């Protein structure tokens, strides 16, 4: 199975919107607004075009990932949210490819760390640990096990402390 990871293009937006909607349709850990969130974030000042990636398989978009800028104290990091894979393509390593490539590009762009709110059994495979271990706190009530951070370069989170300041679009609803 050959998967191409590339930057999302404007003409991908509609297909990506529906893919995200399908990916989270049956999820228990979702507010089912992820597809609208991505649309809001695309128009945000925290949007990083190089970190809006799609996975292409057989000419179709099989997955999407988005990282946006967040601030922690005086440091700029990225937040992974969301990663989406078509239901019929899940558990084939597409999410892993998207996360790995996203981390690589983010490090090349100079980002030192990433945060995620997600499954505590999935994200540690990509270097995520409890954010509290780095002195990074969520701006909302959340389980310590599910709020995580990863260093994208060695020692990247050494000087980072404080509460994560997300793009305001995370808290708006359509």
Protein backbone atom coordinates (compact mmCIF):
# COMPACT_ATOMS: atom_id res chain seq x y z
CA UNK A 1 0.00 0.00 0.00
CA UNK A 2 1.64 3.24 -1.15
CA UNK A 3 0.55 6.35 0.74
CA UNK A 4 1.61 9.84 -0.30
CA UNK A 5 1.75 12.49 2.45
CA UNK A 6 1.50 16.01 1.09
CA UNK A 7 0.43 19.52 2.05
CA UNK A 8 -3.31 20.07 1.79
CA UNK A 9 -4.39 22.19 -1.19
CA UNK A 10 -7.36 24.59 -1.29
CA UNK A 11 -9.23 22.24 -3.61
CA UNK A 12 -8.93 19.44 -0.99
CA UNK A 13 -10.98 21.36 1.59
CA UNK A 14 -14.39 19.87 0.79
CA UNK A 15 -13.12 16.27 0.63
CA UNK A 16 -11.17 16.80 3.88
CA UNK A 17 -14.26 18.28 5.57
CA UNK A 18 -16.30 15.14 4.83
CA UNK A 19 -13.43 12.80 5.68
CA UNK A 20 -13.08 14.40 9.14
CA UNK A 21 -16.84 14.25 9.68
CA UNK A 22 -16.85 10.51 8.84
CA UNK A 23 -13.74 9.79 10.91
CA UNK A 24 -15.34 11.11 14.10
CA UNK A 25 -18.95 10.10 13.43
CA UNK A 26 -18.91 7.09 15.76
CA UNK A 27 -16.29 8.35 18.21
CA UNK A 28 -17.22 8.43 21.89
CA UNK A 29 -14.42 10.91 22.61
CA UNK A 30 -15.63 13.64 20.29
CA UNK A 31 -17.86 16.69 20.28
CA UNK A 32 -18.48 15.85 16.57
CA UNK A 33 -17.39 19.36 15.57
CA UNK A 34 -13.86 18.50 14.36
CA UNK A 35 -14.73 19.14 10.69
CA UNK A 36 -15.99 22.64 11.56
CA UNK A 37 -13.00 23.23 13.83
CA UNK A 38 -10.61 22.57 10.94
CA UNK A 39 -12.51 25.07 8.78
CA UNK A 40 -12.31 27.69 11.55
CA UNK A 41 -8.60 27.02 12.11
CA UNK A 42 -7.81 27.38 8.38
CA UNK A 43 -8.92 31.01 8.70
CA UNK A 44 -7.03 31.56 11.96
CA UNK A 45 -3.82 33.50 12.46
CA UNK A 46 -2.49 30.30 14.11
CA UNK A 47 -2.89 28.25 10.89
CA UNK A 48 0.34 26.83 9.43
CA UNK A 49 -0.29 25.75 5.80
CA UNK A 50 2.78 23.47 5.80
CA UNK A 51 1.29 21.55 8.74
CA UNK A 52 -2.11 20.85 7.21
CA UNK A 53 -1.32 17.50 5.62
CA UNK A 54 -3.27 14.87 3.74
CA UNK A 55 -2.55 11.20 3.13
CA UNK A 56 -3.38 10.18 -0.41
CA UNK A 57 -4.06 6.58 -1.36
CA UNK A 58 -5.15 5.48 -4.80
CA UNK A 59 -5.94 9.06 -5.85
CA UNK A 60 -8.22 9.62 -2.84
CA UNK A 61 -7.61 11.45 0.41
CA UNK A 62 -7.47 8.77 3.10
CA UNK A 63 -6.38 10.92 6.04
CA UNK A 64 -5.72 14.46 7.28
CA UNK A 65 -3.79 16.05 10.12
CA UNK A 66 -3.61 19.61 11.34
CA UNK A 67 -1.13 21.29 13.65
CA UNK A 68 -1.71 24.93 14.70
CA UNK A 69 0.37 27.34 16.75
CA UNK A 70 -0.17 27.61 20.47
CA UNK A 71 1.64 29.70 23.06
CA UNK A 72 2.97 28.55 26.41
CA UNK A 73 4.45 31.44 28.31
CA UNK A 74 6.77 33.19 25.84
CA UNK A 75 7.25 30.04 23.71
CA UNK A 76 5.44 29.10 20.50
CA UNK A 77 4.64 25.41 20.13
CA UNK A 78 2.17 23.49 17.98
CA UNK A 79 -0.99 21.60 18.86
CA UNK A 80 -1.97 18.43 17.04
CA UNK A 81 -5.72 18.49 16.43
CA UNK A 82 -7.27 16.66 14.82
CA UNK A 83 -5.84 13.63 13.05
CA UNK A 84 -8.47 11.94 10.91
CA UNK A 85 -8.50 8.78 8.83
CA UNK A 86 -11.38 7.45 6.71
CA UNK A 87 -13.18 4.76 8.78
CA UNK A 88 -12.46 2.02 6.22
CA UNK A 89 -8.75 3.00 6.16
CA UNK A 90 -8.20 3.12 9.94
CA UNK A 91 -5.66 0.80 11.63
CA UNK A 92 -3.45 0.72 8.53
CA UNK A 93 -0.74 3.09 9.80
CA UNK A 94 -2.02 6.22 8.03
CA UNK A 95 -2.36 8.22 11.26
CA UNK A 96 1.18 7.19 12.19
CA UNK A 97 2.52 8.41 8.83
CA UNK A 98 0.70 11.73 9.19
CA UNK A 99 1.94 12.33 12.76
CA UNK A 100 5.53 11.32 11.95
CA UNK A 101 5.70 13.51 8.82
CA UNK A 102 3.99 16.39 10.64
CA UNK A 103 6.54 16.24 13.46
CA UNK A 104 9.41 16.16 10.94
CA UNK A 105 8.13 19.20 9.03
CA UNK A 106 7.36 21.08 12.27
CA UNK A 107 10.92 20.53 13.53
CA UNK A 108 12.28 21.75 10.16
CA UNK A 109 10.11 24.87 10.54
CA UNK A 110 11.69 25.47 13.97
CA UNK A 111 8.93 24.31 16.30
CA UNK A 112 10.39 22.70 19.43
CA UNK A 113 7.38 20.89 20.82
CA UNK A 114 3.84 19.70 20.23
CA UNK A 115 0.88 19.22 22.53
CA UNK A 116 -2.13 16.97 22.11
CA UNK A 117 -5.32 16.12 23.95
CA UNK A 118 -5.91 12.50 23.08
CA UNK A 119 -5.72 8.79 23.78
CA UNK A 120 -3.05 7.98 26.37
CA UNK A 121 -2.33 4.62 24.72
CA UNK A 122 -1.91 5.97 21.17
CA UNK A 123 0.10 9.20 21.35
CA UNK A 124 2.96 7.98 23.59
CA UNK A 125 4.10 5.92 20.55
CA UNK A 126 5.10 9.27 19.01
CA UNK A 127 7.01 10.62 22.00
CA UNK A 128 4.09 12.24 23.83
CA UNK A 129 4.25 12.24 27.62
CA UNK A 130 2.05 13.84 30.27
CA UNK A 131 2.35 17.59 29.65
CA UNK A 132 2.51 18.12 33.41
CA UNK A 133 5.95 16.44 33.39
CA UNK A 134 7.17 19.48 31.43
CA UNK A 135 5.27 22.00 33.53
CA UNK A 136 2.72 22.54 30.75
CA UNK A 137 -0.91 22.92 31.82
CA UNK A 138 -4.21 22.79 29.94
CA UNK A 139 -6.43 25.90 29.99
CA UNK A 140 -9.41 23.68 30.82
CA UNK A 141 -10.27 20.76 33.09
CA UNK A 142 -8.78 17.59 31.61
CA UNK A 143 -7.29 14.31 32.74
CA UNK A 144 -3.53 14.51 33.21
CA UNK A 145 -3.22 11.22 31.30
CA UNK A 146 -4.82 12.64 28.15
CA UNK A 147 -3.09 16.04 27.97
CA UNK A 148 0.35 15.37 26.52
CA UNK A 149 3.40 17.05 25.05
CA UNK A 150 6.26 15.85 22.85
CA UNK A 151 9.66 17.33 22.16
CA UNK A 152 10.27 17.73 18.43
CA UNK A 153 13.95 18.46 19.01
CA UNK A 154 16.08 17.18 21.89
CA UNK A 155 15.48 19.36 24.95
CA UNK A 156 12.81 21.31 23.07
CA UNK A 157 10.53 21.66 26.08
CA UNK A 158 13.23 22.35 28.68
CA UNK A 159 12.37 26.07 28.99
CA UNK A 160 8.63 25.76 28.43
CA UNK A 161 6.34 26.33 31.42
CA UNK A 162 2.79 27.52 31.83
CA UNK A 163 -0.75 27.26 30.54
CA UNK A 164 -1.36 26.52 26.87
CA UNK A 165 -2.98 29.36 24.96
CA UNK A 166 -4.90 27.82 22.06
CA UNK A 167 -6.23 29.65 19.01
CA UNK A 168 -9.60 31.16 19.97
CA UNK A 169 -11.20 29.12 17.18
CA UNK A 170 -10.89 26.00 19.37
CA UNK A 171 -13.52 27.42 21.69
CA UNK A 172 -15.97 28.80 19.14
CA UNK A 173 -18.83 26.73 17.78
CA UNK A 174 -20.51 27.11 14.42
